[in-house]
Amino acid sequence: MKVNKIMAFRLMLSLIMIVGFASCSKKSSSKGASRATGWNVDSKKALSNKKQEAGPGLVFVEGGTFTMGKVEDDVMHDWNNTPTQQHVQSFYMDETEVTNFMYLEYLDWLKSVFPPSDENYKHIYEGASPDTLVWRNRLGYNETMTNNYLRHPSYANYPVVGVNWIQANEFSKWRTDRVNEAILEKNGYLKKNAKTDDVSAEATFSTETYLKAPTMTYGGNEEIVLKGGKGARKSPKAGKDGTVAEAKNVYVQRSSGILLPEYRLPTEAEWEYAAAADVGQREYNTYKGQKKYPWSGTYTRSGKRQNKGDQLANFKQGNGDYGGIAGWSDDGADITNAVKKYPANDFGLYDMAGNVAEWVADVYRPMIDNEANDFNYFRGNRYTKNKIGEDGKVEIVTLATMKRDTLSNGKIIVRSYPGQIAQVPVDEKETYLRQNFDKSDNINYRDGDKQSSRFYNFGSSDSDSQSQKDAKKMYNSPKHNVTTDSLGLMVRKYDNSSKRTTLINDEVRVYKGGSWRDRAYWLDPAQRRYFPQDMATDYIGFRCAMSRVGPKSDRKKSARN
């Protein structure tokens, strides 16, 4: 009996101590107390660990390692896809190629905001419009596609073509702003329907302008750019001394976790990783063999019972054979096909082989330099910064300062719009004593020339004229010149030099994947080709990507068994 009383006493004492310790612990980590300083801060916001939402149209691609450039054969003898081990961070990618319907939404917005009938804006809509003449062939009748492919509703869900790399890049920027504009409106930071009712050439939304100078968004119209989100419109109360403190953080910031990162073209490494989808071949931390195509197996036809014999992609099967004999066993298309007509790969991405080839962000070089970098490899970095005006504030692009580029074919494209923040190259203020980069333009870094210089004869005199320097460049590509005469007429000069040795320069971009015009050889995700960034074809389209912020994956890792 005595023993039981002692045991009961000890148990009661233990419970009291546990409750006491829990109470102390609760007090020491009270709500709002910083784990770094103990100060009362808004820890609920800081520790919310807000998950990034997938933007409209995007599919999550979990990153990892893969062998980039690994092909079963190289019958073209390009020698430009030597296998290298690369690691790609997690990112998002469009489920399908950008369709005609999606691109027409872009054109309709430009036409509404920047009327082509206005002399000031006539180049904007025209410069963004796809080249429908890419369908013409000297010995073929294709006028039906020339006149109908872009706009006829029958082709609405077909991938857009006739778009050059620059246009694809500008579409991605526009898409970023429209998506974030809708997010801010949904959360009560922008006037409802302002994106359609109040937008004009002088009052537009730019994500970067909103983040850096929100009061200058929509031309500085405070009736559109609202302070605080939903339920935060109440006037601040006066303090004990009668003064009213000005509200802080009334606009969305990056730290709010509401706005999405930018839509952009995928890098070559991202595109190839997503297309190969080796995750479907995963066995613990290795791959069970190498895929030849985005699907398993070494054949282009399905082996499954329910659709055995069906083609798994849209491609050219032989001379004069763009789809096969009419009937069940053909690939269902003679030109492009509507998206999602063929099975998705193991990442849930459609048409990563066939239909249309796709632009990627990289400048083309014959080699992938994994010795310099094997993490998120990308060649094409041109670092810029916001331009600061004389008043110390960011400089906003106006009608007078819009940047217009004249392409080699004479077409004029606008690459900065009113309402955006003007950009300038980074200078020594950002590069001084840095080890990771030392200039704004890094396209030619370690591209195979001697001593990693831009010229093949390293050590030439700085006093060389520009023509002498041009003659010594490693990539001696043609230079077509477009100028304007005194009457404002365009003068095109075609480079007829017989001394040109290559088509490679800083304005050629990589495109990946086979198309409806290509043989099965080009369906291999590791194959790579290049094309001038200011030219378009009837077989190259594109899709967008978005970087992933936060953890590599959201799902719990557990053993397979």
Protein backbone atom coordinates (compact mmCIF):
# COMPACT_ATOMS: atom_id res chain seq x y z
CA MET A 1 0.00 0.00 0.00
CA LYS A 2 2.85 2.35 0.92
CA VAL A 3 4.61 1.51 -2.33
CA ASN A 4 1.50 2.46 -4.32
CA LYS A 5 1.32 5.88 -2.58
CA ILE A 6 4.98 6.55 -3.39
CA MET A 7 4.42 5.60 -7.04
CA ALA A 8 1.36 7.83 -7.26
CA PHE A 9 3.30 10.74 -5.73
CA ARG A 10 6.15 10.31 -8.24
CA LEU A 11 3.70 10.14 -11.12
CA MET A 12 1.97 13.33 -9.98
CA LEU A 13 5.34 15.10 -9.60
CA SER A 14 6.37 14.03 -13.09
CA LEU A 15 3.14 15.39 -14.56
CA ILE A 16 3.62 18.72 -12.79
CA MET A 17 7.19 19.01 -14.15
CA ILE A 18 6.09 18.14 -17.70
CA VAL A 19 3.31 20.74 -17.59
CA GLY A 20 5.76 23.30 -16.20
CA PHE A 21 8.35 22.69 -18.87
CA ALA A 22 5.70 22.84 -21.59
CA SER A 23 4.47 26.15 -20.21
CA CYS A 24 7.98 27.60 -20.14
CA SER A 25 8.63 26.35 -23.66
CA LYS A 26 5.39 27.89 -24.86
CA LYS A 27 6.29 31.23 -23.29
CA SER A 28 9.82 31.22 -24.70
CA SER A 29 8.50 30.56 -28.21
CA SER A 30 5.44 32.76 -27.99
CA LYS A 31 3.60 33.73 -31.13
CA GLY A 32 5.47 36.48 -32.96
CA ALA A 33 8.82 35.91 -31.25
CA SER A 34 11.78 35.72 -33.62
CA ARG A 35 13.93 32.59 -33.37
CA ALA A 36 16.92 34.78 -34.26
CA THR A 37 16.53 37.71 -31.86
CA GLY A 38 13.54 37.02 -29.63
CA TRP A 39 11.96 40.25 -30.87
CA ASN A 40 8.26 40.31 -31.68
CA VAL A 41 7.98 40.08 -35.45
CA ASP A 42 5.36 38.91 -37.87
CA SER A 43 6.64 35.35 -37.80
CA LYS A 44 3.36 34.00 -39.11
CA LYS A 45 4.10 35.67 -42.43
CA ALA A 46 7.81 34.84 -42.38
CA LEU A 47 7.32 31.18 -41.54
CA SER A 48 4.29 30.52 -43.68
CA ASN A 49 6.46 28.63 -46.21
CA LYS A 50 4.11 29.65 -49.02
CA LYS A 51 4.10 27.13 -51.82
CA GLN A 52 4.53 28.35 -55.38
CA GLU A 53 1.44 27.87 -57.48
CA ALA A 54 1.77 26.54 -61.02
CA GLY A 55 0.96 29.26 -63.52
CA PRO A 56 -1.81 28.79 -66.11
CA GLY A 57 -0.99 26.04 -68.58
CA LEU A 58 2.11 24.81 -66.74
CA VAL A 59 3.11 21.33 -65.53
CA PHE A 60 5.62 20.69 -62.72
CA VAL A 61 8.90 19.07 -63.79
CA GLU A 62 10.94 17.80 -60.85
CA GLY A 63 14.64 18.46 -61.46
CA GLY A 64 17.49 16.00 -61.34
CA THR A 65 20.55 14.74 -63.16
CA PHE A 66 20.66 13.37 -66.70
CA THR A 67 23.03 12.78 -69.58
CA MET A 68 22.59 15.67 -71.98
CA GLY A 69 23.43 15.10 -75.64
CA LYS A 70 23.36 11.31 -75.54
CA VAL A 71 22.16 9.93 -78.88
CA GLU A 72 22.24 6.45 -80.33
CA ASP A 73 23.76 7.64 -83.60
CA ASP A 74 24.93 10.76 -85.41
CA VAL A 75 24.27 10.10 -89.07
CA MET A 76 24.45 13.83 -89.82
CA HIS A 77 28.00 13.97 -88.39
CA ASP A 78 27.27 17.24 -86.63
CA TRP A 79 29.36 16.26 -83.60
CA ASN A 80 27.50 18.90 -81.63
CA ASN A 81 25.88 16.72 -78.97
CA THR A 82 28.74 15.12 -77.07
CA PRO A 83 27.26 13.51 -73.92
CA THR A 84 27.70 15.54 -70.74
CA GLN A 85 26.29 14.97 -67.27
CA GLN A 86 24.08 17.89 -66.22
CA HIS A 87 21.80 18.74 -63.32
CA VAL A 88 18.62 20.73 -63.86
CA GLN A 89 16.66 22.46 -61.11
CA SER A 90 12.95 21.83 -60.78
CA PHE A 91 10.85 24.05 -63.02
CA TYR A 92 7.47 24.34 -64.73
CA MET A 93 6.80 23.89 -68.44
CA ASP A 94 3.82 24.38 -70.72
CA GLU A 95 1.78 21.20 -71.01
CA THR A 96 1.50 21.80 -74.75
CA GLU A 97 3.06 24.01 -77.39
CA VAL A 98 1.70 27.55 -77.54
CA THR A 99 -1.34 27.36 -79.79
CA ASN A 100 -2.78 29.73 -82.37
CA PHE A 101 -5.58 30.61 -79.95
CA MET A 102 -3.10 31.53 -77.21
CA TYR A 103 -1.01 33.66 -79.57
CA LEU A 104 -4.09 35.40 -81.00
CA GLU A 105 -4.99 36.48 -77.46
CA TYR A 106 -1.61 38.24 -77.39
CA LEU A 107 -2.21 39.89 -80.78
CA ASP A 108 -5.71 41.02 -79.83
CA TRP A 109 -4.35 42.64 -76.65
CA LEU A 110 -1.64 44.49 -78.61
CA LYS A 111 -4.16 45.62 -81.21
CA SER A 112 -6.50 46.94 -78.53
CA VAL A 113 -3.86 48.74 -76.45
CA PHE A 114 -1.57 49.89 -79.27
CA PRO A 115 -3.87 50.51 -82.28
CA PRO A 116 -1.97 49.82 -85.52
CA SER A 117 -3.87 52.69 -87.15
CA ASP A 118 -1.94 55.08 -84.89
CA GLU A 119 1.34 56.04 -86.55
CA ASN A 120 3.11 55.86 -83.19
CA TYR A 121 2.26 52.21 -82.67
CA LYS A 122 2.08 50.79 -86.20
CA HIS A 123 5.20 48.63 -85.75
CA ILE A 124 4.05 46.96 -82.52
CA TYR A 125 1.24 44.79 -83.86
CA GLU A 126 2.96 44.15 -87.18
CA GLY A 127 6.22 43.20 -85.46
CA ALA A 128 4.48 40.66 -83.22
CA SER A 129 2.40 39.05 -85.98
CA PRO A 130 3.54 35.61 -87.22
CA ASP A 131 4.83 35.36 -90.78
CA THR A 132 2.03 33.50 -92.53
CA LEU A 133 4.02 33.35 -95.78
CA VAL A 134 6.24 30.62 -94.31
CA TRP A 135 3.72 28.12 -95.71
CA ARG A 136 4.45 29.03 -99.34
CA ASN A 137 6.51 26.71 -101.49
CA ARG A 138 7.75 27.39 -105.01
CA LEU A 139 6.48 24.03 -106.23
CA GLY A 140 3.62 23.43 -103.84
CA TYR A 141 0.07 24.74 -103.37
CA ASN A 142 -0.19 25.83 -99.73
CA GLU A 143 -2.25 29.02 -99.94
CA THR A 144 -4.94 27.42 -97.78
CA MET A 145 -2.55 27.39 -94.82
CA THR A 146 -1.19 30.83 -95.70
CA ASN A 147 -4.67 32.32 -95.46
CA ASN A 148 -6.25 30.19 -92.73
CA TYR A 149 -3.75 28.47 -90.44
CA LEU A 150 -3.32 31.29 -87.93
CA ARG A 151 -6.90 32.55 -87.63
CA HIS A 152 -9.37 29.88 -88.74
CA PRO A 153 -11.11 28.25 -85.71
CA SER A 154 -10.36 24.81 -87.15
CA TYR A 155 -6.69 25.46 -86.37
CA ALA A 156 -7.25 27.15 -82.99
CA ASN A 157 -5.64 24.33 -80.98
CA TYR A 158 -2.80 23.77 -83.43
CA PRO A 159 0.70 25.02 -82.46
CA VAL A 160 1.52 28.50 -83.70
CA VAL A 161 4.25 28.67 -86.36
CA GLY A 162 5.82 31.50 -88.35
CA VAL A 163 7.07 32.95 -85.06
CA ASN A 164 10.75 33.82 -84.75
CA TRP A 165 12.76 33.52 -81.54
CA ILE A 166 12.44 37.22 -80.70
CA GLN A 167 8.65 37.13 -81.03
CA ALA A 168 8.45 34.01 -78.85
CA ASN A 169 10.55 35.74 -76.21
CA GLU A 170 8.35 38.85 -76.28
CA PHE A 171 5.20 36.72 -75.97
CA SER A 172 6.66 35.17 -72.82
CA LYS A 173 7.21 38.61 -71.27
CA TRP A 174 3.66 39.68 -72.16
CA ARG A 175 2.26 36.49 -70.64
CA THR A 176 4.10 37.14 -67.37
CA ASP A 177 2.49 40.55 -67.00
CA ARG A 178 -1.01 39.40 -67.90
CA VAL A 179 -0.92 36.47 -65.45
CA ASN A 180 0.40 38.60 -62.56
CA GLU A 181 -2.06 41.38 -63.42
CA ALA A 182 -4.92 38.90 -63.01
CA ILE A 183 -3.45 37.61 -59.72
CA LEU A 184 -3.28 41.14 -58.27
CA GLU A 185 -6.82 41.88 -59.37
CA LYS A 186 -8.05 38.64 -57.78
CA ASN A 187 -6.38 39.57 -54.48
CA GLY A 188 -7.77 43.11 -54.48
CA TYR A 189 -4.60 45.03 -55.33
CA LEU A 190 -5.87 46.27 -58.70
CA LYS A 191 -9.20 47.75 -59.62
CA LYS A 192 -11.55 45.09 -60.94
CA ASN A 193 -11.58 44.79 -64.74
CA ALA A 194 -8.99 47.55 -65.11
CA LYS A 195 -6.93 45.15 -67.23
CA THR A 196 -9.60 45.40 -69.93
CA ASP A 197 -11.53 48.61 -69.24
CA ASP A 198 -8.81 51.08 -68.23
CA VAL A 199 -5.70 49.85 -70.01
CA SER A 200 -4.24 52.07 -72.72
CA ALA A 201 -0.89 52.73 -74.38
CA GLU A 202 -0.07 55.27 -71.65
CA ALA A 203 -1.47 53.16 -68.80
CA THR A 204 -0.32 49.54 -68.82
CA PHE A 205 0.76 47.00 -66.23
CA SER A 206 4.31 45.68 -65.92
CA THR A 207 5.26 43.21 -63.18
CA GLU A 208 8.72 44.71 -62.65
CA THR A 209 7.37 48.27 -62.62
CA TYR A 210 4.79 47.28 -60.01
CA LEU A 211 7.47 45.69 -57.79
CA LYS A 212 10.00 48.53 -58.12
CA ALA A 213 7.68 51.54 -58.42
CA PRO A 214 4.03 50.58 -57.86
CA THR A 215 2.81 54.19 -57.91
CA MET A 216 4.03 54.47 -61.53
CA THR A 217 2.01 51.46 -62.72
CA TYR A 218 -0.93 52.24 -65.00
CA GLY A 219 0.56 55.68 -65.56
CA GLY A 220 0.41 56.43 -61.83
CA ASN A 221 -3.38 56.09 -61.57
CA GLU A 222 -4.10 55.48 -57.86
CA GLU A 223 -7.71 54.62 -58.65
CA ILE A 224 -6.43 51.47 -60.38
CA VAL A 225 -3.40 50.54 -58.27
CA LEU A 226 -5.01 50.01 -54.87
CA LYS A 227 -3.35 50.01 -51.45
CA GLY A 228 -3.75 46.77 -49.54
CA GLY A 229 -5.56 43.60 -50.54
CA LYS A 230 -9.11 42.48 -49.93
CA GLY A 231 -10.55 43.82 -46.70
CA ALA A 232 -7.68 46.27 -46.21
CA ARG A 233 -9.36 49.47 -47.38
CA LYS A 234 -10.12 50.86 -43.92
CA SER A 235 -8.45 54.12 -42.95
CA PRO A 236 -5.72 53.67 -40.32
CA LYS A 237 -6.71 54.66 -36.77
CA ALA A 238 -5.10 57.57 -34.95
CA GLY A 239 -2.60 56.81 -32.18
CA LYS A 240 -2.69 58.04 -28.58
CA ASP A 241 -1.08 61.33 -29.60
CA GLY A 242 -3.67 61.85 -32.32
CA THR A 243 -1.32 61.25 -35.26
CA VAL A 244 -2.20 58.76 -37.96
CA ALA A 245 0.68 56.51 -38.94
CA GLU A 246 1.12 55.92 -42.64
CA ALA A 247 0.27 52.36 -43.63
CA LYS A 248 3.25 50.18 -44.58
CA ASN A 249 3.55 47.35 -47.11
CA VAL A 250 0.33 48.35 -48.82
CA TYR A 251 1.53 46.96 -52.16
CA VAL A 252 2.47 43.40 -53.04
CA GLN A 253 6.19 42.68 -52.84
CA ARG A 254 8.30 39.66 -53.75
CA SER A 255 8.24 38.70 -50.08
CA SER A 256 4.44 38.47 -50.30
CA GLY A 257 4.74 35.27 -52.31
CA ILE A 258 1.74 36.20 -54.45
CA LEU A 259 3.30 37.08 -57.79
CA LEU A 260 4.71 34.36 -60.03
CA PRO A 261 8.23 34.34 -61.53
CA GLU A 262 8.49 35.20 -65.20
CA TYR A 263 7.33 33.05 -68.08
CA ARG A 264 10.28 32.48 -70.43
CA LEU A 265 11.63 30.15 -73.06
CA PRO A 266 13.12 26.99 -71.53
CA THR A 267 16.88 26.53 -71.65
CA GLU A 268 18.19 23.77 -73.88
CA ALA A 269 19.10 21.67 -70.85
CA GLU A 270 15.60 22.09 -69.37
CA TRP A 271 13.88 21.25 -72.64
CA GLU A 272 15.96 18.14 -73.27
CA TYR A 273 15.55 16.95 -69.67
CA ALA A 274 11.78 17.45 -69.81
CA ALA A 275 11.46 15.80 -73.23
CA ALA A 276 13.54 12.74 -72.34
CA ALA A 277 11.57 12.24 -69.10
CA ASP A 278 14.04 9.61 -67.90
CA VAL A 279 12.14 9.60 -64.61
CA GLY A 280 10.00 6.88 -66.18
CA GLN A 281 13.10 4.69 -66.37
CA ARG A 282 14.18 5.31 -62.78
CA GLU A 283 15.48 2.46 -60.63
CA TYR A 284 16.52 3.95 -57.26
CA ASN A 285 19.27 6.44 -58.22
CA THR A 286 20.01 5.07 -61.69
CA TYR A 287 18.20 4.77 -65.00
CA LYS A 288 17.20 1.44 -66.53
CA GLY A 289 18.65 2.02 -69.97
CA GLN A 290 18.54 5.06 -72.25
CA LYS A 291 15.40 6.24 -73.98
CA LYS A 292 15.65 6.89 -77.71
CA TYR A 293 12.43 8.95 -77.76
CA PRO A 294 10.28 10.72 -75.14
CA TRP A 295 8.43 7.43 -74.73
CA SER A 296 9.81 4.02 -73.74
CA GLY A 297 11.05 1.68 -76.44
CA THR A 298 12.90 2.12 -79.70
CA TYR A 299 9.90 2.28 -82.05
CA THR A 300 7.58 5.09 -83.12
CA ARG A 301 4.43 2.95 -82.93
CA SER A 302 2.54 1.97 -79.80
CA GLY A 303 2.81 -1.58 -78.55
CA LYS A 304 -0.14 -1.41 -76.16
CA ARG A 305 -3.08 -3.68 -76.90
CA GLN A 306 -5.73 -0.95 -76.97
CA ASN A 307 -3.88 1.18 -79.56
CA LYS A 308 -1.26 -1.16 -80.97
CA GLY A 309 0.30 0.13 -84.16
CA ASP A 310 -0.70 3.79 -83.66
CA GLN A 311 2.01 6.36 -84.28
CA LEU A 312 3.19 8.08 -81.10
CA ALA A 313 4.14 11.36 -82.79
CA ASN A 314 3.58 13.47 -85.90
CA PHE A 315 6.61 13.29 -88.20
CA LYS A 316 7.70 12.67 -91.79
CA GLN A 317 7.90 8.94 -92.38
CA GLY A 318 9.67 9.00 -95.74
CA ASN A 319 10.02 10.83 -99.06
CA GLY A 320 6.57 12.07 -99.96
CA ASP A 321 5.14 10.43 -96.84
CA TYR A 322 4.05 12.92 -94.15
CA GLY A 323 1.56 10.69 -92.37
CA GLY A 324 1.22 7.29 -93.92
CA ILE A 325 -1.52 5.64 -95.96
CA ALA A 326 -4.96 7.01 -95.13
CA GLY A 327 -6.66 4.99 -92.41
CA TRP A 328 -6.16 3.80 -88.88
CA SER A 329 -2.41 3.24 -89.07
CA ASP A 330 -1.34 6.72 -90.16
CA ASP A 331 -0.24 9.44 -87.70
CA GLY A 332 -3.42 11.48 -88.13
CA ALA A 333 -1.81 14.57 -89.64
CA ASP A 334 -0.24 15.79 -92.85
CA ILE A 335 0.98 19.16 -91.54
CA THR A 336 0.84 19.98 -87.84
CA ASN A 337 -1.82 18.45 -85.62
CA ALA A 338 -3.90 19.74 -82.73
CA VAL A 339 -2.12 19.53 -79.38
CA LYS A 340 -2.77 16.54 -77.08
CA LYS A 341 -3.48 14.20 -80.00
CA TYR A 342 -0.62 11.91 -78.96
CA PRO A 343 0.19 10.42 -75.53
CA ALA A 344 2.02 12.58 -72.98
CA ASN A 345 5.46 11.60 -71.70
CA ASP A 346 6.25 10.64 -68.10
CA PHE A 347 6.21 14.30 -66.99
CA GLY A 348 2.73 14.83 -68.48
CA LEU A 349 4.06 16.92 -71.39
CA TYR A 350 2.55 16.57 -74.86
CA ASP A 351 4.26 16.68 -78.26
CA MET A 352 7.83 16.80 -76.98
CA ALA A 353 8.61 14.92 -80.22
CA GLY A 354 6.99 15.71 -83.54
CA ASN A 355 4.28 18.20 -84.49
CA VAL A 356 6.58 21.27 -84.41
CA ALA A 357 10.17 21.73 -83.34
CA GLU A 358 10.56 24.30 -80.56
CA TRP A 359 12.69 27.35 -79.83
CA VAL A 360 14.78 27.27 -76.65
CA ALA A 361 16.57 30.17 -74.98
CA ASP A 362 20.20 29.22 -75.77
CA VAL A 363 22.53 30.82 -78.29
CA TYR A 364 23.91 28.00 -80.43
CA ARG A 365 27.47 26.77 -80.08
CA PRO A 366 28.77 23.41 -81.33
CA MET A 367 29.81 22.38 -77.84
CA ILE A 368 28.26 22.19 -74.37
CA ASP A 369 30.92 23.22 -71.86
CA ASN A 370 30.17 21.12 -68.80
CA GLU A 371 33.67 21.79 -67.46
CA ALA A 372 32.63 25.39 -66.90
CA ASN A 373 29.22 24.57 -65.49
CA ASP A 374 27.16 21.41 -64.97
CA PHE A 375 24.24 23.02 -63.09
CA ASN A 376 21.37 24.69 -64.98
CA TYR A 377 23.57 25.04 -68.07
CA PHE A 378 22.67 27.98 -70.32
CA ARG A 379 24.55 29.99 -72.94
CA GLY A 380 23.01 33.37 -73.63
CA ASN A 381 23.25 35.44 -70.45
CA ARG A 382 23.17 39.19 -70.97
CA TYR A 383 22.87 40.80 -67.55
CA THR A 384 21.03 44.10 -67.29
CA LYS A 385 19.84 46.42 -64.54
CA ASN A 386 17.13 49.03 -64.14
CA LYS A 387 17.99 52.42 -65.61
CA ILE A 388 17.97 55.19 -63.02
CA GLY A 389 16.96 58.66 -64.13
CA GLU A 390 18.38 62.01 -63.01
CA ASP A 391 15.75 62.18 -60.26
CA GLY A 392 17.14 58.99 -58.71
CA LYS A 393 14.08 56.94 -59.64
CA VAL A 394 13.74 54.11 -62.10
CA GLU A 395 13.16 55.31 -65.64
CA ILE A 396 9.92 54.16 -67.23
CA VAL A 397 9.75 53.55 -70.97
CA THR A 398 7.64 56.09 -72.83
CA LEU A 399 6.48 56.41 -76.41
CA ALA A 400 9.60 58.42 -77.20
CA THR A 401 12.00 55.88 -75.64
CA MET A 402 10.48 52.65 -76.98
CA LYS A 403 13.21 50.36 -78.29
CA ARG A 404 12.71 49.31 -81.91
CA ASP A 405 14.93 46.73 -83.60
CA THR A 406 15.26 46.40 -87.37
CA LEU A 407 15.86 42.74 -88.20
CA SER A 408 18.10 41.48 -90.99
CA ASN A 409 15.04 40.95 -93.20
CA GLY A 410 13.88 44.54 -92.65
CA LYS A 411 11.05 43.74 -90.24
CA ILE A 412 10.74 46.13 -87.28
CA ILE A 413 10.07 44.66 -83.84
CA VAL A 414 9.39 46.65 -80.66
CA ARG A 415 11.20 45.16 -77.64
CA SER A 416 10.30 47.61 -74.87
CA TYR A 417 6.83 49.02 -74.30
CA PRO A 418 5.52 52.10 -72.50
CA GLY A 419 5.10 51.35 -68.80
CA GLN A 420 8.07 48.98 -68.54
CA ILE A 421 11.32 49.82 -66.73
CA ALA A 422 14.14 50.76 -69.10
CA GLN A 423 17.11 48.39 -68.93
CA VAL A 424 20.84 49.04 -69.36
CA PRO A 425 23.81 46.62 -69.28
CA VAL A 426 25.44 46.02 -65.90
CA ASP A 427 28.76 47.84 -65.43
CA GLU A 428 31.78 47.70 -63.14
CA LYS A 429 29.64 48.69 -60.16
CA GLU A 430 28.17 45.18 -60.30
CA THR A 431 31.15 43.30 -61.75
CA TYR A 432 34.15 44.72 -59.86
CA LEU A 433 36.13 41.96 -58.08
CA ARG A 434 33.46 39.38 -58.77
CA GLN A 435 34.51 35.83 -59.52
CA ASN A 436 31.29 34.53 -61.09
CA PHE A 437 30.90 37.11 -63.88
CA ASP A 438 32.86 40.16 -65.04
CA LYS A 439 30.74 41.71 -67.82
CA SER A 440 27.20 42.10 -69.07
CA ASP A 441 27.40 39.99 -72.25
CA ASN A 442 28.49 36.41 -71.53
CA ILE A 443 27.43 34.76 -74.77
CA ASN A 444 30.99 34.17 -75.96
CA TYR A 445 32.41 32.92 -72.68
CA ARG A 446 34.51 29.78 -73.24
CA ASP A 447 32.95 29.03 -76.60
CA GLY A 448 35.91 27.06 -77.88
CA ASP A 449 38.27 29.76 -79.07
CA LYS A 450 41.84 30.13 -77.90
CA GLN A 451 42.32 31.31 -74.32
CA SER A 452 38.55 31.74 -74.08
CA SER A 453 38.91 35.03 -75.93
CA ARG A 454 36.38 36.19 -78.48
CA PHE A 455 38.90 36.05 -81.32
CA TYR A 456 40.81 33.07 -82.65
CA ASN A 457 44.18 34.94 -82.64
CA PHE A 458 44.40 35.78 -78.97
CA GLY A 459 46.62 38.75 -78.06
CA SER A 460 45.93 41.02 -81.04
CA SER A 461 46.46 44.73 -80.62
CA ASP A 462 43.74 46.86 -79.07
CA SER A 463 44.48 49.42 -81.77
CA ASP A 464 42.98 47.18 -84.47
CA SER A 465 40.13 48.79 -86.35
CA GLN A 466 36.63 47.37 -86.08
CA SER A 467 36.92 45.83 -89.56
CA GLN A 468 40.17 44.13 -88.52
CA LYS A 469 38.53 42.79 -85.37
CA ASP A 470 35.54 41.55 -87.36
CA ALA A 471 37.88 39.73 -89.71
CA LYS A 472 39.48 37.92 -86.78
CA LYS A 473 36.30 36.72 -85.11
CA MET A 474 36.05 33.00 -84.63
CA TYR A 475 32.55 32.83 -86.12
CA ASN A 476 32.86 34.52 -89.50
CA SER A 477 29.17 34.52 -90.41
CA PRO A 478 27.45 36.63 -93.10
CA LYS A 479 26.37 40.14 -92.15
CA HIS A 480 23.31 41.37 -93.94
CA ASN A 481 22.76 45.09 -93.49
CA VAL A 482 19.49 47.02 -93.41
CA THR A 483 19.58 50.82 -93.42
CA THR A 484 17.25 53.71 -94.17
CA ASP A 485 18.00 56.34 -96.81
CA SER A 486 17.32 60.08 -96.67
CA LEU A 487 13.75 59.54 -97.89
CA GLY A 488 13.02 57.02 -95.16
CA LEU A 489 13.05 54.11 -97.58
CA MET A 490 14.58 50.84 -96.46
CA VAL A 491 17.81 49.76 -98.13
CA ARG A 492 18.67 46.06 -97.81
CA LYS A 493 22.23 44.91 -98.40
CA TYR A 494 22.76 41.19 -98.78
CA ASP A 495 26.21 39.88 -97.79
CA ASN A 496 27.67 38.34 -100.96
CA SER A 497 31.14 37.74 -99.54
CA SER A 498 32.76 34.46 -100.59
CA LYS A 499 34.99 34.48 -97.49
CA ARG A 500 32.30 33.50 -95.01
CA THR A 501 33.02 30.15 -93.38
CA THR A 502 30.10 29.61 -91.01
CA LEU A 503 26.49 30.55 -90.28
CA ILE A 504 27.09 30.66 -86.53
CA ASN A 505 27.01 34.00 -84.70
CA ASP A 506 25.49 35.49 -81.54
CA GLU A 507 22.06 35.77 -83.19
CA VAL A 508 21.45 32.09 -83.93
CA ARG A 509 19.39 30.11 -81.43
CA VAL A 510 18.97 26.44 -80.68
CA TYR A 511 15.75 24.67 -81.56
CA LYS A 512 14.91 21.18 -80.34
CA GLY A 513 12.67 18.27 -81.21
CA GLY A 514 11.52 16.87 -84.52
CA SER A 515 8.61 18.35 -86.44
CA TRP A 516 6.01 17.29 -88.99
CA ARG A 517 8.66 17.97 -91.65
CA ASP A 518 11.38 15.82 -89.99
CA ARG A 519 12.28 12.14 -90.11
CA ALA A 520 12.19 10.07 -86.93
CA TYR A 521 15.93 10.65 -86.47
CA TRP A 522 15.22 14.18 -85.19
CA LEU A 523 12.64 13.01 -82.62
CA ASP A 524 15.48 12.09 -80.23
CA PRO A 525 15.42 14.77 -77.47
CA ALA A 526 19.23 15.04 -77.58
CA GLN A 527 19.33 16.20 -81.21
CA ARG A 528 20.00 19.91 -81.64
CA ARG A 529 19.90 22.36 -84.52
CA TYR A 530 20.11 26.13 -84.94
CA PHE A 531 18.32 28.87 -86.85
CA PRO A 532 18.63 32.70 -87.00
CA GLN A 533 16.67 34.27 -84.16
CA ASP A 534 14.98 36.79 -86.46
CA MET A 535 13.69 34.26 -88.98
CA ALA A 536 10.62 31.98 -88.86
CA THR A 537 9.50 28.73 -90.48
CA ASP A 538 6.39 26.57 -90.83
CA TYR A 539 7.85 23.88 -88.56
CA ILE A 540 9.23 25.73 -85.50
CA GLY A 541 6.95 26.75 -82.63
CA PHE A 542 7.60 27.14 -78.91
CA ARG A 543 6.38 26.59 -75.38
CA CYS A 544 7.08 28.54 -72.19
CA ALA A 545 8.77 27.56 -68.93
CA MET A 546 8.89 29.05 -65.43
CA SER A 547 11.52 28.62 -62.73
CA ARG A 548 10.59 26.88 -59.51
CA VAL A 549 11.15 28.76 -56.24
CA GLY A 550 11.36 26.82 -53.01
CA PRO A 551 11.85 23.08 -52.48
CA LYS A 552 12.83 20.68 -55.24
CA SER A 553 9.66 18.69 -54.69
CA ASP A 554 6.53 18.87 -52.54
CA ARG A 555 5.93 15.17 -52.14
CA LYS A 556 7.40 13.09 -49.37
CA LYS A 557 10.35 10.92 -50.29
CA SER A 558 9.92 7.29 -49.31
CA ALA A 559 11.36 3.96 -50.38
CA ARG A 560 9.50 2.27 -53.21
CA ASN A 561 8.70 -0.75 -51.06
